[in-house]
């Protein structure tokens, strides 16, 4: 099985993150071997001559409900990312230019039964309707990402799971699944933790059926930047 997610110390794993990666596994006499390949274009980082990356490897044994880490992650220390190991040897690496333009077009024409008169039901022809739009993603300086959309279509997005709202005194939370809002969504406090936090900067699920929108996210030095303009 293969999955990808964004990890934050306060929100845990956000599985709405979706990138391109390949993985393989093989069982040998000495044990098992795992190979993973992640394209540099799938990551957001600022190129430096000799960068040092952090890494933490975990193996989960379902039969024992056990998680093993390298390097050792102690439960006595708060956080995981501050206990990670380091990887070096990447020299002059850049994700390159990343431009994505995804247009779409749809057309429909259907007839519905007009049963306002039960004795004489008849088909009511609906005029043909067309719809078109464009999604675009542009990466600047390997660290800033501009997402834009015009008349977006979210018909392909997975539907929400039902939630029980009987005798519930807090706001219903649904995780964000629309592609336009997923890039660096943790910058706005919009994680997939399943708990609604009133202190979050922006809850994008309140934005319904936008006509157009633009969003700039990224990192400059020690600062995380996030701007969103849906309409």
C-alpha atoms as a PDB file:
ATOM      1  CA  UNK A   1       0.000   0.000   0.000  1.00  0.00           C
ATOM      2  CA  UNK A   2       1.159   3.549  -0.754  1.00  0.00           C
ATOM      3  CA  UNK A   3       0.043   6.831   0.747  1.00  0.00           C
ATOM      4  CA  UNK A   4       1.365  10.370   1.110  1.00  0.00           C
ATOM      5  CA  UNK A   5       0.546  13.034   3.663  1.00  0.00           C
ATOM      6  CA  UNK A   6       1.772  16.259   5.236  1.00  0.00           C
ATOM      7  CA  UNK A   7       2.858  15.999   8.862  1.00  0.00           C
ATOM      8  CA  UNK A   8       2.531  18.846  11.345  1.00  0.00           C
ATOM      9  CA  UNK A   9       3.264  18.575  15.036  1.00  0.00           C
ATOM     10  CA  UNK A  10      -0.060  20.061  16.111  1.00  0.00           C
ATOM     11  CA  UNK A  11      -2.289  18.448  13.473  1.00  0.00           C
ATOM     12  CA  UNK A  12      -0.688  15.076  12.720  1.00  0.00           C
ATOM     13  CA  UNK A  13      -0.998  13.578   9.226  1.00  0.00           C
ATOM     14  CA  UNK A  14      -2.998  15.400   6.546  1.00  0.00           C
ATOM     15  CA  UNK A  15      -3.813  12.814   3.853  1.00  0.00           C
ATOM     16  CA  UNK A  16      -5.411  15.376   1.553  1.00  0.00           C
ATOM     17  CA  UNK A  17      -1.851  16.044   0.317  1.00  0.00           C
ATOM     18  CA  UNK A  18      -1.407  14.265  -3.020  1.00  0.00           C
ATOM     19  CA  UNK A  19       1.836  14.171  -4.994  1.00  0.00           C
ATOM     20  CA  UNK A  20       3.692  11.906  -7.425  1.00  0.00           C
ATOM     21  CA  UNK A  21       5.817   9.098  -5.996  1.00  0.00           C
ATOM     22  CA  UNK A  22       6.694   5.484  -6.816  1.00  0.00           C
ATOM     23  CA  UNK A  23       7.426   2.665  -4.410  1.00  0.00           C
ATOM     24  CA  UNK A  24       8.340  -1.003  -4.651  1.00  0.00           C
ATOM     25  CA  UNK A  25       8.940  -3.745  -2.122  1.00  0.00           C
ATOM     26  CA  UNK A  26      10.469  -7.191  -2.212  1.00  0.00           C
ATOM     27  CA  UNK A  27      10.872  -9.932   0.394  1.00  0.00           C
ATOM     28  CA  UNK A  28      14.308 -11.575   0.461  1.00  0.00           C
ATOM     29  CA  UNK A  29      15.911 -14.267   2.583  1.00  0.00           C
ATOM     30  CA  UNK A  30      17.590 -11.675   4.787  1.00  0.00           C
ATOM     31  CA  UNK A  31      14.395  -9.643   5.214  1.00  0.00           C
ATOM     32  CA  UNK A  32      12.517  -7.098   3.104  1.00  0.00           C
ATOM     33  CA  UNK A  33      13.662  -4.331   0.777  1.00  0.00           C
ATOM     34  CA  UNK A  34      11.732  -1.115   0.085  1.00  0.00           C
ATOM     35  CA  UNK A  35      12.505   1.317  -2.743  1.00  0.00           C
ATOM     36  CA  UNK A  36      10.873   4.745  -2.936  1.00  0.00           C
ATOM     37  CA  UNK A  37      11.271   7.418  -5.594  1.00  0.00           C
ATOM     38  CA  UNK A  38       9.953  10.962  -5.082  1.00  0.00           C
ATOM     39  CA  UNK A  39      10.387  13.474  -7.891  1.00  0.00           C
ATOM     40  CA  UNK A  40      12.054  16.728  -6.862  1.00  0.00           C
ATOM     41  CA  UNK A  41       9.264  18.496  -8.742  1.00  0.00           C
ATOM     42  CA  UNK A  42       6.796  17.070  -6.233  1.00  0.00           C
ATOM     43  CA  UNK A  43       8.531  18.857  -3.345  1.00  0.00           C
ATOM     44  CA  UNK A  44       8.803  22.510  -2.419  1.00  0.00           C
ATOM     45  CA  UNK A  45      12.295  23.554  -1.327  1.00  0.00           C
ATOM     46  CA  UNK A  46      14.756  26.351  -1.907  1.00  0.00           C
ATOM     47  CA  UNK A  47      17.877  25.223  -3.810  1.00  0.00           C
ATOM     48  CA  UNK A  48      21.214  25.570  -2.025  1.00  0.00           C
ATOM     49  CA  UNK A  49      24.653  24.302  -3.092  1.00  0.00           C
ATOM     50  CA  UNK A  50      24.771  21.529  -0.460  1.00  0.00           C
ATOM     51  CA  UNK A  51      21.423  21.205   1.345  1.00  0.00           C
ATOM     52  CA  UNK A  52      20.883  19.100   4.448  1.00  0.00           C
ATOM     53  CA  UNK A  53      17.485  17.410   4.619  1.00  0.00           C
ATOM     54  CA  UNK A  54      15.796  15.919   7.640  1.00  0.00           C
ATOM     55  CA  UNK A  55      14.514  12.341   7.532  1.00  0.00           C
ATOM     56  CA  UNK A  56      12.669   9.986   9.842  1.00  0.00           C
ATOM     57  CA  UNK A  57      11.938   6.372   8.887  1.00  0.00           C
ATOM     58  CA  UNK A  58       9.093   4.458  10.545  1.00  0.00           C
ATOM     59  CA  UNK A  59       7.984   0.857  10.241  1.00  0.00           C
ATOM     60  CA  UNK A  60       4.511   0.000  11.534  1.00  0.00           C
ATOM     61  CA  UNK A  61       3.895  -3.620  12.557  1.00  0.00           C
ATOM     62  CA  UNK A  62       0.124  -4.044  12.499  1.00  0.00           C
ATOM     63  CA  UNK A  63       0.135  -7.436  14.270  1.00  0.00           C
ATOM     64  CA  UNK A  64       1.845  -5.932  17.331  1.00  0.00           C
ATOM     65  CA  UNK A  65       0.420  -2.417  16.936  1.00  0.00           C
ATOM     66  CA  UNK A  66       4.040  -1.282  17.094  1.00  0.00           C
ATOM     67  CA  UNK A  67       5.888   1.553  15.415  1.00  0.00           C
ATOM     68  CA  UNK A  68       9.687   1.442  15.042  1.00  0.00           C
ATOM     69  CA  UNK A  69      11.662   4.564  14.142  1.00  0.00           C
ATOM     70  CA  UNK A  70      15.059   5.513  12.800  1.00  0.00           C
ATOM     71  CA  UNK A  71      16.563   7.489  14.329  1.00  0.00           C
ATOM     72  CA  UNK A  72      15.111   6.726  17.742  1.00  0.00           C
ATOM     73  CA  UNK A  73      12.049   8.852  18.552  1.00  0.00           C
ATOM     74  CA  UNK A  74      11.485   9.214  22.279  1.00  0.00           C
ATOM     75  CA  UNK A  75       8.005   9.750  23.699  1.00  0.00           C
ATOM     76  CA  UNK A  76       9.639  11.774  26.483  1.00  0.00           C
ATOM     77  CA  UNK A  77      10.464  14.515  23.984  1.00  0.00           C
ATOM     78  CA  UNK A  78       7.632  16.580  22.540  1.00  0.00           C
ATOM     79  CA  UNK A  79       7.534  16.385  18.743  1.00  0.00           C
ATOM     80  CA  UNK A  80       8.917  14.149  15.991  1.00  0.00           C
ATOM     81  CA  UNK A  81      10.427  16.570  13.510  1.00  0.00           C
ATOM     82  CA  UNK A  82      12.902  17.857  16.095  1.00  0.00           C
ATOM     83  CA  UNK A  83      14.240  14.289  16.500  1.00  0.00           C
ATOM     84  CA  UNK A  84      14.816  13.544  12.829  1.00  0.00           C
ATOM     85  CA  UNK A  85      18.097  12.447  11.276  1.00  0.00           C
ATOM     86  CA  UNK A  86      19.886  14.251   8.476  1.00  0.00           C
ATOM     87  CA  UNK A  87      20.631  13.392   4.838  1.00  0.00           C
ATOM     88  CA  UNK A  88      23.246  15.202   2.758  1.00  0.00           C
ATOM     89  CA  UNK A  89      24.902  14.722  -0.613  1.00  0.00           C
ATOM     90  CA  UNK A  90      22.320  16.519  -2.769  1.00  0.00           C
ATOM     91  CA  UNK A  91      24.364  19.080  -4.702  1.00  0.00           C
ATOM     92  CA  UNK A  92      22.880  21.852  -6.850  1.00  0.00           C
ATOM     93  CA  UNK A  93      19.441  20.244  -6.869  1.00  0.00           C
ATOM     94  CA  UNK A  94      16.470  22.224  -8.162  1.00  0.00           C
ATOM     95  CA  UNK A  95      12.903  21.077  -8.823  1.00  0.00           C
ATOM     96  CA  UNK A  96      13.022  23.041 -12.075  1.00  0.00           C
ATOM     97  CA  UNK A  97      10.226  25.046 -13.593  1.00  0.00           C
ATOM     98  CA  UNK A  98       6.826  23.719 -12.747  1.00  0.00           C
ATOM     99  CA  UNK A  99       3.951  25.004 -14.869  1.00  0.00           C
ATOM    100  CA  UNK A 100       0.637  23.184 -14.974  1.00  0.00           C
ATOM    101  CA  UNK A 101      -2.430  24.239 -16.980  1.00  0.00           C
ATOM    102  CA  UNK A 102      -5.445  21.941 -16.758  1.00  0.00           C
ATOM    103  CA  UNK A 103      -8.433  23.015 -18.889  1.00  0.00           C
ATOM    104  CA  UNK A 104     -11.770  21.214 -18.892  1.00  0.00           C
ATOM    105  CA  UNK A 105     -15.040  21.363 -20.788  1.00  0.00           C
ATOM    106  CA  UNK A 106     -18.378  19.606 -20.215  1.00  0.00           C
ATOM    107  CA  UNK A 107     -21.675  19.458 -22.079  1.00  0.00           C
ATOM    108  CA  UNK A 108     -25.041  18.062 -21.113  1.00  0.00           C
ATOM    109  CA  UNK A 109     -28.530  17.787 -22.559  1.00  0.00           C
ATOM    110  CA  UNK A 110     -31.239  15.740 -20.898  1.00  0.00           C
ATOM    111  CA  UNK A 111     -34.991  15.361 -20.537  1.00  0.00           C
ATOM    112  CA  UNK A 112     -36.880  15.171 -17.254  1.00  0.00           C
ATOM    113  CA  UNK A 113     -40.408  13.955 -16.515  1.00  0.00           C
ATOM    114  CA  UNK A 114     -42.849  16.735 -15.752  1.00  0.00           C
ATOM    115  CA  UNK A 115     -45.394  15.058 -13.449  1.00  0.00           C
ATOM    116  CA  UNK A 116     -47.157  18.138 -12.129  1.00  0.00           C
ATOM    117  CA  UNK A 117     -50.248  16.752 -13.865  1.00  0.00           C
ATOM    118  CA  UNK A 118     -50.337  13.058 -12.764  1.00  0.00           C
ATOM    119  CA  UNK A 119     -52.907  12.234 -15.480  1.00  0.00           C
ATOM    120  CA  UNK A 120     -50.748  13.528 -18.303  1.00  0.00           C
ATOM    121  CA  UNK A 121     -47.031  13.200 -17.439  1.00  0.00           C
ATOM    122  CA  UNK A 122     -44.727  14.311 -20.226  1.00  0.00           C
ATOM    123  CA  UNK A 123     -41.059  14.782 -20.920  1.00  0.00           C
ATOM    124  CA  UNK A 124     -39.729  18.286 -20.534  1.00  0.00           C
ATOM    125  CA  UNK A 125     -36.742  18.960 -22.763  1.00  0.00           C
ATOM    126  CA  UNK A 126     -33.956  20.891 -21.075  1.00  0.00           C
ATOM    127  CA  UNK A 127     -31.836  23.163 -23.224  1.00  0.00           C
ATOM    128  CA  UNK A 128     -28.231  22.095 -23.798  1.00  0.00           C
ATOM    129  CA  UNK A 129     -25.790  23.465 -21.246  1.00  0.00           C
ATOM    130  CA  UNK A 130     -22.038  23.829 -21.600  1.00  0.00           C
ATOM    131  CA  UNK A 131     -19.348  24.614 -19.048  1.00  0.00           C
ATOM    132  CA  UNK A 132     -15.614  25.267 -19.320  1.00  0.00           C
ATOM    133  CA  UNK A 133     -12.856  26.293 -16.947  1.00  0.00           C
ATOM    134  CA  UNK A 134      -9.139  26.298 -16.281  1.00  0.00           C
ATOM    135  CA  UNK A 135      -6.888  25.388 -13.350  1.00  0.00           C
ATOM    136  CA  UNK A 136      -3.269  26.561 -13.298  1.00  0.00           C
ATOM    137  CA  UNK A 137      -0.282  26.093 -10.984  1.00  0.00           C
ATOM    138  CA  UNK A 138       2.924  28.120 -11.294  1.00  0.00           C
ATOM    139  CA  UNK A 139       6.008  27.725  -9.081  1.00  0.00           C
ATOM    140  CA  UNK A 140       8.261  30.775  -8.578  1.00  0.00           C
ATOM    141  CA  UNK A 141      11.838  30.587  -7.281  1.00  0.00           C
ATOM    142  CA  UNK A 142      11.290  26.943  -6.255  1.00  0.00           C
ATOM    143  CA  UNK A 143       9.481  28.071  -3.098  1.00  0.00           C
ATOM    144  CA  UNK A 144       6.405  30.154  -3.996  1.00  0.00           C
ATOM    145  CA  UNK A 145       3.358  28.470  -5.550  1.00  0.00           C
ATOM    146  CA  UNK A 146       0.600  30.391  -7.337  1.00  0.00           C
ATOM    147  CA  UNK A 147      -2.669  28.478  -7.814  1.00  0.00           C
ATOM    148  CA  UNK A 148      -5.348  30.054  -9.987  1.00  0.00           C
ATOM    149  CA  UNK A 149      -8.706  28.796 -11.181  1.00  0.00           C
ATOM    150  CA  UNK A 150     -11.516  30.065 -13.404  1.00  0.00           C
ATOM    151  CA  UNK A 151     -14.940  28.464 -13.142  1.00  0.00           C
ATOM    152  CA  UNK A 152     -13.549  25.366 -11.350  1.00  0.00           C
ATOM    153  CA  UNK A 153     -15.199  21.965 -11.607  1.00  0.00           C
ATOM    154  CA  UNK A 154     -15.157  19.837  -8.452  1.00  0.00           C
ATOM    155  CA  UNK A 155     -17.386  17.069  -9.775  1.00  0.00           C
ATOM    156  CA  UNK A 156     -14.537  14.551  -9.594  1.00  0.00           C
ATOM    157  CA  UNK A 157     -13.847  15.222  -5.904  1.00  0.00           C
ATOM    158  CA  UNK A 158     -14.639  12.440  -3.462  1.00  0.00           C
ATOM    159  CA  UNK A 159     -17.882  12.985  -1.572  1.00  0.00           C
ATOM    160  CA  UNK A 160     -17.906  13.631   2.170  1.00  0.00           C
ATOM    161  CA  UNK A 161     -18.541  10.900   4.686  1.00  0.00           C
ATOM    162  CA  UNK A 162     -21.798  11.331   6.667  1.00  0.00           C
ATOM    163  CA  UNK A 163     -21.484  12.768  10.159  1.00  0.00           C
ATOM    164  CA  UNK A 164     -23.820  12.390  13.117  1.00  0.00           C
ATOM    165  CA  UNK A 165     -25.090  15.804  14.205  1.00  0.00           C
ATOM    166  CA  UNK A 166     -27.637  14.731  16.847  1.00  0.00           C
ATOM    167  CA  UNK A 167     -27.247  16.753  20.082  1.00  0.00           C
ATOM    168  CA  UNK A 168     -24.060  18.303  18.733  1.00  0.00           C
ATOM    169  CA  UNK A 169     -23.184  21.773  19.993  1.00  0.00           C
ATOM    170  CA  UNK A 170     -20.099  22.441  17.880  1.00  0.00           C
ATOM    171  CA  UNK A 171     -19.713  23.174  14.184  1.00  0.00           C
ATOM    172  CA  UNK A 172     -19.589  20.244  11.768  1.00  0.00           C
ATOM    173  CA  UNK A 173     -16.130  19.730  10.255  1.00  0.00           C
ATOM    174  CA  UNK A 174     -15.521  18.308   6.786  1.00  0.00           C
ATOM    175  CA  UNK A 175     -11.934  17.939   5.522  1.00  0.00           C
ATOM    176  CA  UNK A 176     -10.926  19.839   2.397  1.00  0.00           C
ATOM    177  CA  UNK A 177     -10.608  17.658  -0.726  1.00  0.00           C
ATOM    178  CA  UNK A 178     -10.797  20.156  -3.592  1.00  0.00           C
ATOM    179  CA  UNK A 179      -7.464  20.363  -5.444  1.00  0.00           C
ATOM    180  CA  UNK A 180      -7.342  24.164  -5.587  1.00  0.00           C
ATOM    181  CA  UNK A 181      -7.311  24.458  -1.787  1.00  0.00           C
ATOM    182  CA  UNK A 182      -4.886  21.618  -0.994  1.00  0.00           C
ATOM    183  CA  UNK A 183      -1.469  23.134  -1.804  1.00  0.00           C
ATOM    184  CA  UNK A 184       0.100  24.178   1.531  1.00  0.00           C
ATOM    185  CA  UNK A 185      -3.323  24.073   3.183  1.00  0.00           C
ATOM    186  CA  UNK A 186      -1.601  23.686   6.570  1.00  0.00           C
ATOM    187  CA  UNK A 187      -0.449  27.318   6.248  1.00  0.00           C
ATOM    188  CA  UNK A 188      -4.036  28.362   6.962  1.00  0.00           C
ATOM    189  CA  UNK A 189      -4.519  25.886   9.786  1.00  0.00           C
ATOM    190  CA  UNK A 190      -6.713  23.737   7.523  1.00  0.00           C
ATOM    191  CA  UNK A 191      -5.448  20.262   8.423  1.00  0.00           C
ATOM    192  CA  UNK A 192      -7.192  16.915   8.263  1.00  0.00           C
ATOM    193  CA  UNK A 193      -7.142  16.425  12.019  1.00  0.00           C
ATOM    194  CA  UNK A 194     -10.917  16.031  12.219  1.00  0.00           C
ATOM    195  CA  UNK A 195     -11.273  18.672  14.948  1.00  0.00           C
ATOM    196  CA  UNK A 196     -12.588  22.127  14.216  1.00  0.00           C
ATOM    197  CA  UNK A 197     -10.368  24.852  15.671  1.00  0.00           C
ATOM    198  CA  UNK A 198     -11.933  28.312  15.917  1.00  0.00           C
ATOM    199  CA  UNK A 199      -8.467  29.904  15.953  1.00  0.00           C
ATOM    200  CA  UNK A 200      -7.631  28.734  12.415  1.00  0.00           C
ATOM    201  CA  UNK A 201      -6.976  31.498   9.935  1.00  0.00           C
ATOM    202  CA  UNK A 202      -9.220  30.214   7.153  1.00  0.00           C
ATOM    203  CA  UNK A 203     -11.717  27.370   6.905  1.00  0.00           C
ATOM    204  CA  UNK A 204     -11.944  26.870   3.146  1.00  0.00           C
ATOM    205  CA  UNK A 205     -14.986  24.601   3.277  1.00  0.00           C
ATOM    206  CA  UNK A 206     -17.050  27.742   3.934  1.00  0.00           C
ATOM    207  CA  UNK A 207     -16.194  28.811   0.364  1.00  0.00           C
ATOM    208  CA  UNK A 208     -18.836  27.260  -1.910  1.00  0.00           C
ATOM    209  CA  UNK A 209     -18.950  27.273  -5.730  1.00  0.00           C
ATOM    210  CA  UNK A 210     -16.270  29.934  -6.413  1.00  0.00           C
ATOM    211  CA  UNK A 211     -16.289  31.548  -9.866  1.00  0.00           C
ATOM    212  CA  UNK A 212     -12.579  32.291  -9.836  1.00  0.00           C
ATOM    213  CA  UNK A 213      -9.775  32.366  -7.327  1.00  0.00           C
ATOM    214  CA  UNK A 214      -6.052  32.748  -6.783  1.00  0.00           C
ATOM    215  CA  UNK A 215      -3.799  31.589  -3.976  1.00  0.00           C
ATOM    216  CA  UNK A 216      -0.133  32.268  -3.274  1.00  0.00           C
ATOM    217  CA  UNK A 217       1.679  30.103  -0.734  1.00  0.00           C
ATOM    218  CA  UNK A 218       5.290  29.352  -0.012  1.00  0.00           C
ATOM    219  CA  UNK A 219       8.298  30.096   2.125  1.00  0.00           C
ATOM    220  CA  UNK A 220      10.734  32.978   2.119  1.00  0.00           C
ATOM    221  CA  UNK A 221      13.530  32.636   4.660  1.00  0.00           C
ATOM    222  CA  UNK A 222      12.010  31.825   8.073  1.00  0.00           C
ATOM    223  CA  UNK A 223       8.532  33.035   7.035  1.00  0.00           C
ATOM    224  CA  UNK A 224       5.589  31.006   5.710  1.00  0.00           C
ATOM    225  CA  UNK A 225       3.442  33.061   3.328  1.00  0.00           C
ATOM    226  CA  UNK A 226      -0.193  32.423   2.460  1.00  0.00           C
ATOM    227  CA  UNK A 227      -2.671  34.593   0.515  1.00  0.00           C
ATOM    228  CA  UNK A 228      -6.052  33.403  -0.743  1.00  0.00           C
ATOM    229  CA  UNK A 229      -8.567  35.265  -2.912  1.00  0.00           C
ATOM    230  CA  UNK A 230     -11.636  33.204  -3.920  1.00  0.00           C
ATOM    231  CA  UNK A 231     -14.749  34.830  -5.346  1.00  0.00           C
END
